[in-house]
Structures are given as structure tokens and as C-alpha cells.
Amino acid sequence: AYEWNSDQWSVPVTLTASQYFELENIPMLLGGGVKYWAE
């Protein structure tokens, strides 16, 4: 995001990984990641 009036940037960069699986026929997605605020 860029705020034009205050000339400020917000730049979070996110890298994630997730895995699909089923547990007793219930579909699930387990994942995680890291978010870094570049600006």
C-alpha cells in the first residue's frame, strides 16, 4: 500500500507453504509461513 498524502509505503512480503490431507475422511489444509515487513 502507498499513502500518497503522507508519502508512506507499507510493503509486507509473505512466503507460505501448506499441505492438503484428509483425517478420517475430513479434508484439511495445514500450513505456515513467514511475513517480513520490507517497508
All heavy atoms as atom14 arrays in JSON, in Angstrom:
{
  "sequence": "AYEWNSDQWSVPVTLTASQYFELENIPMLLGGGVKYWAE",
  "atom14_mask": [
    [1, 1, 1, 1, 1, 0, 0, 0, 0, 0, 0, 0, 0, 0],
    [1, 1, 1, 1, 1, 1, 1, 1, 1, 1, 1, 1, 0, 0],
    [1, 1, 1, 1, 1, 1, 1, 1, 1, 0, 0, 0, 0, 0],
    [1, 1, 1, 1, 1, 1, 1, 1, 1, 1, 1, 1, 1, 1],
    [1, 1, 1, 1, 1, 1, 1, 1, 0, 0, 0, 0, 0, 0],
    [1, 1, 1, 1, 1, 1, 0, 0, 0, 0, 0, 0, 0, 0],
    [1, 1, 1, 1, 1, 1, 1, 1, 0, 0, 0, 0, 0, 0],
    [1, 1, 1, 1, 1, 1, 1, 1, 1, 0, 0, 0, 0, 0],
    [1, 1, 1, 1, 1, 1, 1, 1, 1, 1, 1, 1, 1, 1],
    [1, 1, 1, 1, 1, 1, 0, 0, 0, 0, 0, 0, 0, 0],
    [1, 1, 1, 1, 1, 1, 1, 0, 0, 0, 0, 0, 0, 0],
    [1, 1, 1, 1, 1, 1, 1, 0, 0, 0, 0, 0, 0, 0],
    [1, 1, 1, 1, 1, 1, 1, 0, 0, 0, 0, 0, 0, 0],
    [1, 1, 1, 1, 1, 1, 1, 0, 0, 0, 0, 0, 0, 0],
    [1, 1, 1, 1, 1, 1, 1, 1, 0, 0, 0, 0, 0, 0],
    [1, 1, 1, 1, 1, 1, 1, 0, 0, 0, 0, 0, 0, 0],
    [1, 1, 1, 1, 1, 0, 0, 0, 0, 0, 0, 0, 0, 0],
    [1, 1, 1, 1, 1, 1, 0, 0, 0, 0, 0, 0, 0, 0],
    [1, 1, 1, 1, 1, 1, 1, 1, 1, 0, 0, 0, 0, 0],
    [1, 1, 1, 1, 1, 1, 1, 1, 1, 1, 1, 1, 0, 0],
    [1, 1, 1, 1, 1, 1, 1, 1, 1, 1, 1, 0, 0, 0],
    [1, 1, 1, 1, 1, 1, 1, 1, 1, 0, 0, 0, 0, 0],
    [1, 1, 1, 1, 1, 1, 1, 1, 0, 0, 0, 0, 0, 0],
    [1, 1, 1, 1, 1, 1, 1, 1, 1, 0, 0, 0, 0, 0],
    [1, 1, 1, 1, 1, 1, 1, 1, 0, 0, 0, 0, 0, 0],
    [1, 1, 1, 1, 1, 1, 1, 1, 0, 0, 0, 0, 0, 0],
    [1, 1, 1, 1, 1, 1, 1, 0, 0, 0, 0, 0, 0, 0],
    [1, 1, 1, 1, 1, 1, 1, 1, 0, 0, 0, 0, 0, 0],
    [1, 1, 1, 1, 1, 1, 1, 1, 0, 0, 0, 0, 0, 0],
    [1, 1, 1, 1, 1, 1, 1, 1, 0, 0, 0, 0, 0, 0],
    [1, 1, 1, 1, 0, 0, 0, 0, 0, 0, 0, 0, 0, 0],
    [1, 1, 1, 1, 0, 0, 0, 0, 0, 0, 0, 0, 0, 0],
    [1, 1, 1, 1, 0, 0, 0, 0, 0, 0, 0, 0, 0, 0],
    [1, 1, 1, 1, 1, 1, 1, 0, 0, 0, 0, 0, 0, 0],
    [1, 1, 1, 1, 1, 1, 1, 1, 1, 0, 0, 0, 0, 0],
    [1, 1, 1, 1, 1, 1, 1, 1, 1, 1, 1, 1, 0, 0],
    [1, 1, 1, 1, 1, 1, 1, 1, 1, 1, 1, 1, 1, 1],
    [1, 1, 1, 1, 1, 0, 0, 0, 0, 0, 0, 0, 0, 0],
    [1, 1, 1, 1, 1, 1, 1, 1, 1, 0, 0, 0, 0, 0]
  ],
  "atom14_positions": [
    [[0.86, -1.19, 0.0], [0.0, 0.0, 0.0], [0.89, 1.24, 0.0], [1.95, 1.26, 0.62], [-0.91, 0.01, 1.22], [0.0, 0.0, 0.0], [0.0, 0.0, 0.0], [0.0, 0.0, 0.0], [0.0, 0.0, 0.0], [0.0, 0.0, 0.0], [0.0, 0.0, 0.0], [0.0, 0.0, 0.0], [0.0, 0.0, 0.0], [0.0, 0.0, 0.0]],
    [[0.41, 2.25, -0.72], [1.12, 3.53, -0.74], [0.12, 4.63, -0.41], [-0.92, 4.76, -1.07], [1.75, 3.79, -2.1], [2.49, 5.11, -2.15], [3.66, 5.29, -1.45], [1.99, 6.18, -2.89], [4.34, 6.5, -1.47], [2.65, 7.39, -2.93], [3.83, 7.55, -2.21], [4.49, 8.75, -2.24], [0.0, 0.0, 0.0], [0.0, 0.0, 0.0]],
    [[0.42, 5.42, 0.63], [-0.42, 6.55, 1.02], [0.19, 7.81, 0.41], [1.28, 8.23, 0.81], [-0.5, 6.65, 2.55], [-1.19, 7.88, 3.09], [-2.53, 8.19, 2.45], [-3.43, 7.33, 2.41], [-2.68, 9.33, 1.96], [0.0, 0.0, 0.0], [0.0, 0.0, 0.0], [0.0, 0.0, 0.0], [0.0, 0.0, 0.0], [0.0, 0.0, 0.0]],
    [[-0.5, 8.36, -0.57], [0.02, 9.47, -1.36], [0.18, 10.75, -0.54], [1.13, 11.5, -0.74], [-0.87, 9.72, -2.58], [-0.81, 8.6, -3.55], [-1.58, 7.46, -3.54], [0.09, 8.47, -4.64], [-1.22, 6.64, -4.56], [-0.19, 7.24, -5.27], [1.11, 9.27, -5.16], [0.51, 6.78, -6.38], [1.79, 8.81, -6.27], [1.49, 7.6, -6.86]],
    [[-0.73, 11.03, 0.37], [-0.66, 12.29, 1.14], [0.52, 12.32, 2.11], [1.12, 13.36, 2.32], [-1.96, 12.53, 1.89], [-3.12, 12.76, 0.95], [-2.94, 13.08, -0.22], [-4.33, 12.59, 1.45], [0.0, 0.0, 0.0], [0.0, 0.0, 0.0], [0.0, 0.0, 0.0], [0.0, 0.0, 0.0], [0.0, 0.0, 0.0], [0.0, 0.0, 0.0]],
    [[0.82, 11.18, 2.71], [1.92, 11.14, 3.68], [3.21, 10.55, 3.09], [4.21, 10.47, 3.78], [1.52, 10.34, 4.92], [1.23, 9.0, 4.55], [0.0, 0.0, 0.0], [0.0, 0.0, 0.0], [0.0, 0.0, 0.0], [0.0, 0.0, 0.0], [0.0, 0.0, 0.0], [0.0, 0.0, 0.0], [0.0, 0.0, 0.0], [0.0, 0.0, 0.0]],
    [[3.16, 10.14, 1.82], [4.32, 9.57, 1.14], [4.9, 8.39, 1.93], [6.09, 8.33, 2.19], [5.39, 10.66, 0.91], [6.52, 10.18, 0.0], [6.27, 9.33, -0.86], [7.66, 10.65, 0.19], [0.0, 0.0, 0.0], [0.0, 0.0, 0.0], [0.0, 0.0, 0.0], [0.0, 0.0, 0.0], [0.0, 0.0, 0.0], [0.0, 0.0, 0.0]],
    [[4.01, 7.44, 2.34], [4.44, 6.29, 3.13], [4.07, 4.99, 2.43], [2.95, 4.83, 1.93], [3.8, 6.31, 4.51], [4.31, 7.4, 5.4], [3.8, 7.26, 6.82], [2.79, 6.6, 7.08], [4.49, 7.88, 7.75], [0.0, 0.0, 0.0], [0.0, 0.0, 0.0], [0.0, 0.0, 0.0], [0.0, 0.0, 0.0], [0.0, 0.0, 0.0]],
    [[5.01, 4.06, 2.44], [4.82, 2.73, 1.89], [4.6, 1.72, 3.01], [5.22, 1.82, 4.07], [6.06, 2.28, 1.13], [6.26, 2.92, -0.2], [7.01, 4.02, -0.46], [5.71, 2.5, -1.44], [6.98, 4.31, -1.8], [6.19, 3.38, -2.42], [4.88, 1.46, -1.82], [5.85, 3.25, -3.77], [4.54, 1.34, -3.16], [5.02, 2.23, -4.11]],
    [[3.76, 0.73, 2.75], [3.64, -0.48, 3.58], [3.89, -1.66, 2.65], [3.12, -1.87, 1.7], [2.24, -0.61, 4.18], [2.0, 0.4, 5.11], [0.0, 0.0, 0.0], [0.0, 0.0, 0.0], [0.0, 0.0, 0.0], [0.0, 0.0, 0.0], [0.0, 0.0, 0.0], [0.0, 0.0, 0.0], [0.0, 0.0, 0.0], [0.0, 0.0, 0.0]],
    [[4.96, -2.41, 2.9], [5.32, -3.5, 2.0], [5.64, -4.76, 2.8], [6.8, -5.06, 3.06], [6.51, -3.12, 1.09], [6.76, -4.22, 0.05], [6.28, -1.78, 0.41], [0.0, 0.0, 0.0], [0.0, 0.0, 0.0], [0.0, 0.0, 0.0], [0.0, 0.0, 0.0], [0.0, 0.0, 0.0], [0.0, 0.0, 0.0], [0.0, 0.0, 0.0]],
    [[4.61, -5.52, 3.2], [4.88, -6.82, 3.79], [5.02, -7.88, 2.69], [4.27, -7.86, 1.71], [3.63, -7.08, 4.64], [2.55, -6.36, 3.92], [3.2, -5.16, 3.28], [0.0, 0.0, 0.0], [0.0, 0.0, 0.0], [0.0, 0.0, 0.0], [0.0, 0.0, 0.0], [0.0, 0.0, 0.0], [0.0, 0.0, 0.0], [0.0, 0.0, 0.0]],
    [[5.99, -8.76, 2.83], [6.2, -9.85, 1.88], [6.0, -11.15, 2.65], [6.61, -11.34, 3.71], [7.61, -9.78, 1.27], [7.83, -10.94, 0.31], [7.82, -8.45, 0.56], [0.0, 0.0, 0.0], [0.0, 0.0, 0.0], [0.0, 0.0, 0.0], [0.0, 0.0, 0.0], [0.0, 0.0, 0.0], [0.0, 0.0, 0.0], [0.0, 0.0, 0.0]],
    [[5.16, -12.04, 2.12], [4.8, -13.27, 2.82], [5.16, -14.49, 1.98], [4.84, -14.55, 0.8], [3.29, -13.3, 3.13], [2.94, -12.11, 3.84], [2.93, -14.51, 3.97], [0.0, 0.0, 0.0], [0.0, 0.0, 0.0], [0.0, 0.0, 0.0], [0.0, 0.0, 0.0], [0.0, 0.0, 0.0], [0.0, 0.0, 0.0], [0.0, 0.0, 0.0]],
    [[5.82, -15.46, 2.61], [6.13, -16.74, 1.98], [5.48, -17.83, 2.82], [5.74, -17.91, 4.04], [7.65, -16.95, 1.92], [8.12, -18.28, 1.34], [7.68, -18.42, -0.12], [9.63, -18.4, 1.47], [0.0, 0.0, 0.0], [0.0, 0.0, 0.0], [0.0, 0.0, 0.0], [0.0, 0.0, 0.0], [0.0, 0.0, 0.0], [0.0, 0.0, 0.0]],
    [[4.62, -18.63, 2.2], [3.91, -19.68, 2.94], [4.0, -21.01, 2.2], [4.23, -21.06, 0.99], [2.42, -19.34, 3.14], [1.8, -19.2, 1.87], [2.24, -18.09, 3.96], [0.0, 0.0, 0.0], [0.0, 0.0, 0.0], [0.0, 0.0, 0.0], [0.0, 0.0, 0.0], [0.0, 0.0, 0.0], [0.0, 0.0, 0.0], [0.0, 0.0, 0.0]],
    [[3.77, -22.08, 2.96], [3.65, -23.43, 2.4], [2.5, -24.1, 3.13], [2.31, -23.9, 4.33], [4.94, -24.21, 2.59], [0.0, 0.0, 0.0], [0.0, 0.0, 0.0], [0.0, 0.0, 0.0], [0.0, 0.0, 0.0], [0.0, 0.0, 0.0], [0.0, 0.0, 0.0], [0.0, 0.0, 0.0], [0.0, 0.0, 0.0], [0.0, 0.0, 0.0]],
    [[1.72, -24.89, 2.4], [0.61, -25.61, 3.02], [0.47, -26.98, 2.37], [0.84, -27.18, 1.22], [-0.7, -24.82, 2.9], [-1.0, -24.56, 1.55], [0.0, 0.0, 0.0], [0.0, 0.0, 0.0], [0.0, 0.0, 0.0], [0.0, 0.0, 0.0], [0.0, 0.0, 0.0], [0.0, 0.0, 0.0], [0.0, 0.0, 0.0], [0.0, 0.0, 0.0]],
    [[-0.07, -27.91, 3.14], [-0.24, -29.28, 2.68], [-1.68, -29.72, 2.85], [-2.24, -29.6, 3.94], [0.69, -30.22, 3.46], [0.54, -31.68, 3.11], [0.93, -31.98, 1.67], [1.98, -31.56, 1.22], [0.08, -32.69, 0.95], [0.0, 0.0, 0.0], [0.0, 0.0, 0.0], [0.0, 0.0, 0.0], [0.0, 0.0, 0.0], [0.0, 0.0, 0.0]],
    [[-2.26, -30.25, 1.78], [-3.61, -30.82, 1.83], [-3.5, -32.25, 2.33], [-2.61, -33.01, 1.93], [-4.24, -30.81, 0.43], [-5.56, -31.54, 0.37], [-6.73, -30.91, 0.74], [-5.61, -32.87, -0.02], [-7.94, -31.58, 0.71], [-6.81, -33.55, -0.05], [-7.97, -32.9, 0.32], [-9.15, -33.57, 0.29], [0.0, 0.0, 0.0], [0.0, 0.0, 0.0]],
    [[-4.44, -32.65, 3.21], [-4.51, -34.04, 3.67], [-5.92, -34.3, 4.18], [-6.73, -33.39, 4.32], [-3.47, -34.32, 4.77], [-3.69, -33.56, 6.04], [-4.34, -34.16, 7.11], [-3.26, -32.25, 6.18], [-4.55, -33.46, 8.3], [-3.46, -31.55, 7.35], [-4.11, -32.16, 8.42], [0.0, 0.0, 0.0], [0.0, 0.0, 0.0], [0.0, 0.0, 0.0]],
    [[-6.22, -35.57, 4.41], [-7.51, -35.96, 4.97], [-7.27, -36.72, 6.27], [-6.37, -37.56, 6.34], [-8.29, -36.82, 3.99], [-8.74, -36.03, 2.78], [-9.6, -36.85, 1.82], [-9.95, -38.01, 2.15], [-9.91, -36.32, 0.76], [0.0, 0.0, 0.0], [0.0, 0.0, 0.0], [0.0, 0.0, 0.0], [0.0, 0.0, 0.0], [0.0, 0.0, 0.0]],
    [[-8.08, -36.41, 7.27], [-8.03, -37.08, 8.55], [-9.4, -37.67, 8.79], [-10.37, -36.92, 8.97], [-7.64, -36.1, 9.67], [-7.46, -36.67, 11.07], [-6.34, -37.71, 11.09], [-7.17, -35.56, 12.05], [0.0, 0.0, 0.0], [0.0, 0.0, 0.0], [0.0, 0.0, 0.0], [0.0, 0.0, 0.0], [0.0, 0.0, 0.0], [0.0, 0.0, 0.0]],
    [[-9.51, -38.99, 8.76], [-10.79, -39.69, 8.87], [-11.82, -39.12, 7.9], [-12.94, -38.77, 8.27], [-11.29, -39.66, 10.31], [-10.37, -40.39, 11.27], [-10.97, -40.57, 12.65], [-12.2, -40.45, 12.8], [-10.19, -40.85, 13.57], [0.0, 0.0, 0.0], [0.0, 0.0, 0.0], [0.0, 0.0, 0.0], [0.0, 0.0, 0.0], [0.0, 0.0, 0.0]],
    [[-11.43, -39.0, 6.64], [-12.26, -38.52, 5.53], [-12.66, -37.05, 5.65], [-13.6, -36.61, 4.99], [-13.51, -39.39, 5.35], [-13.15, -40.8, 4.92], [-12.21, -40.99, 4.15], [-13.88, -41.78, 5.41], [0.0, 0.0, 0.0], [0.0, 0.0, 0.0], [0.0, 0.0, 0.0], [0.0, 0.0, 0.0], [0.0, 0.0, 0.0], [0.0, 0.0, 0.0]],
    [[-11.99, -36.29, 6.51], [-12.25, -34.85, 6.63], [-11.09, -34.12, 5.96], [-9.95, -34.23, 6.42], [-12.38, -34.41, 8.1], [-13.54, -35.15, 8.78], [-12.57, -32.9, 8.19], [-13.62, -34.94, 10.28], [0.0, 0.0, 0.0], [0.0, 0.0, 0.0], [0.0, 0.0, 0.0], [0.0, 0.0, 0.0], [0.0, 0.0, 0.0], [0.0, 0.0, 0.0]],
    [[-11.35, -33.41, 4.86], [-10.26, -32.7, 4.18], [-9.76, -31.52, 5.01], [-10.55, -30.77, 5.58], [-10.9, -32.24, 2.87], [-12.35, -32.26, 3.09], [-12.62, -33.24, 4.18], [0.0, 0.0, 0.0], [0.0, 0.0, 0.0], [0.0, 0.0, 0.0], [0.0, 0.0, 0.0], [0.0, 0.0, 0.0], [0.0, 0.0, 0.0], [0.0, 0.0, 0.0]],
    [[-8.43, -31.4, 5.06], [-7.81, -30.33, 5.86], [-6.62, -29.75, 5.1], [-6.1, -30.37, 4.18], [-7.34, -30.87, 7.2], [-8.43, -31.37, 8.08], [-7.8, -31.82, 9.69], [-9.28, -32.45, 10.44], [0.0, 0.0, 0.0], [0.0, 0.0, 0.0], [0.0, 0.0, 0.0], [0.0, 0.0, 0.0], [0.0, 0.0, 0.0], [0.0, 0.0, 0.0]],
    [[-6.22, -28.58, 5.55], [-5.07, -27.89, 4.99], [-4.24, -27.37, 6.16], [-4.74, -26.61, 6.99], [-5.53, -26.73, 4.1], [-4.53, -26.09, 3.18], [-4.06, -27.08, 2.12], [-5.15, -24.88, 2.5], [0.0, 0.0, 0.0], [0.0, 0.0, 0.0], [0.0, 0.0, 0.0], [0.0, 0.0, 0.0], [0.0, 0.0, 0.0], [0.0, 0.0, 0.0]],
    [[-2.99, -27.81, 6.24], [-2.09, -27.37, 7.3], [-0.95, -26.59, 6.66], [-0.36, -27.05, 5.68], [-1.52, -28.57, 8.06], [-0.49, -28.26, 9.15], [-1.13, -27.45, 10.28], [0.12, -29.55, 9.68], [0.0, 0.0, 0.0], [0.0, 0.0, 0.0], [0.0, 0.0, 0.0], [0.0, 0.0, 0.0], [0.0, 0.0, 0.0], [0.0, 0.0, 0.0]],
    [[-0.68, -25.4, 7.19], [0.37, -24.59, 6.58], [0.93, -23.56, 7.53], [0.47, -23.39, 8.66], [0.0, 0.0, 0.0], [0.0, 0.0, 0.0], [0.0, 0.0, 0.0], [0.0, 0.0, 0.0], [0.0, 0.0, 0.0], [0.0, 0.0, 0.0], [0.0, 0.0, 0.0], [0.0, 0.0, 0.0], [0.0, 0.0, 0.0], [0.0, 0.0, 0.0]],
    [[1.91, -22.87, 7.03], [2.51, -21.82, 7.82], [3.47, -21.02, 6.96], [3.69, -21.34, 5.79], [0.0, 0.0, 0.0], [0.0, 0.0, 0.0], [0.0, 0.0, 0.0], [0.0, 0.0, 0.0], [0.0, 0.0, 0.0], [0.0, 0.0, 0.0], [0.0, 0.0, 0.0], [0.0, 0.0, 0.0], [0.0, 0.0, 0.0], [0.0, 0.0, 0.0]],
    [[4.0, -19.97, 7.56], [4.92, -19.16, 6.78], [5.51, -18.02, 7.58], [5.33, -17.94, 8.8], [0.0, 0.0, 0.0], [0.0, 0.0, 0.0], [0.0, 0.0, 0.0], [0.0, 0.0, 0.0], [0.0, 0.0, 0.0], [0.0, 0.0, 0.0], [0.0, 0.0, 0.0], [0.0, 0.0, 0.0], [0.0, 0.0, 0.0], [0.0, 0.0, 0.0]],
    [[6.18, -17.16, 6.86], [6.84, -16.01, 7.46], [6.43, -14.76, 6.69], [6.29, -14.79, 5.47], [8.37, -16.19, 7.48], [8.94, -16.32, 6.09], [9.04, -15.06, 8.23], [0.0, 0.0, 0.0], [0.0, 0.0, 0.0], [0.0, 0.0, 0.0], [0.0, 0.0, 0.0], [0.0, 0.0, 0.0], [0.0, 0.0, 0.0], [0.0, 0.0, 0.0]],
    [[6.18, -13.69, 7.43], [5.88, -12.38, 6.82], [6.97, -11.42, 7.27], [7.27, -11.32, 8.46], [4.53, -11.86, 7.28], [4.2, -10.47, 6.71], [2.91, -9.92, 7.26], [1.74, -10.55, 6.53], [0.45, -9.89, 6.85], [0.0, 0.0, 0.0], [0.0, 0.0, 0.0], [0.0, 0.0, 0.0], [0.0, 0.0, 0.0], [0.0, 0.0, 0.0]],
    [[7.58, -10.73, 6.3], [8.63, -9.77, 6.59], [8.2, -8.4, 6.07], [7.77, -8.28, 4.93], [9.95, -10.19, 5.92], [11.02, -9.14, 6.08], [11.63, -8.95, 7.32], [11.41, -8.34, 5.02], [12.61, -7.98, 7.48], [12.38, -7.38, 5.17], [12.98, -7.2, 6.41], [13.93, -6.24, 6.57], [0.0, 0.0, 0.0], [0.0, 0.0, 0.0]],
    [[8.31, -7.39, 6.91], [7.95, -6.03, 6.53], [9.15, -5.37, 5.89], [10.05, -4.88, 6.57], [7.45, -5.24, 7.74], [6.12, -5.74, 8.19], [5.88, -6.8, 9.01], [4.86, -5.23, 7.81], [4.53, -6.97, 9.16], [3.88, -6.02, 8.44], [4.45, -4.17, 6.98], [2.52, -5.78, 8.27], [3.1, -3.94, 6.84], [2.15, -4.74, 7.47]],
    [[9.2, -5.38, 4.55], [10.3, -4.76, 3.82], [10.3, -3.24, 3.97], [11.35, -2.6, 3.97], [10.23, -5.15, 2.34], [0.0, 0.0, 0.0], [0.0, 0.0, 0.0], [0.0, 0.0, 0.0], [0.0, 0.0, 0.0], [0.0, 0.0, 0.0], [0.0, 0.0, 0.0], [0.0, 0.0, 0.0], [0.0, 0.0, 0.0], [0.0, 0.0, 0.0]],
    [[9.1, -2.68, 4.1], [8.94, -1.23, 4.32], [7.71, -1.05, 5.21], [6.67, -1.67, 4.98], [8.74, -0.51, 3.0], [8.69, 0.99, 3.09], [10.04, 1.63, 3.4], [11.06, 1.08, 2.98], [10.05, 2.68, 4.06], [0.0, 0.0, 0.0], [0.0, 0.0, 0.0], [0.0, 0.0, 0.0], [0.0, 0.0, 0.0], [0.0, 0.0, 0.0]]
  ]
}
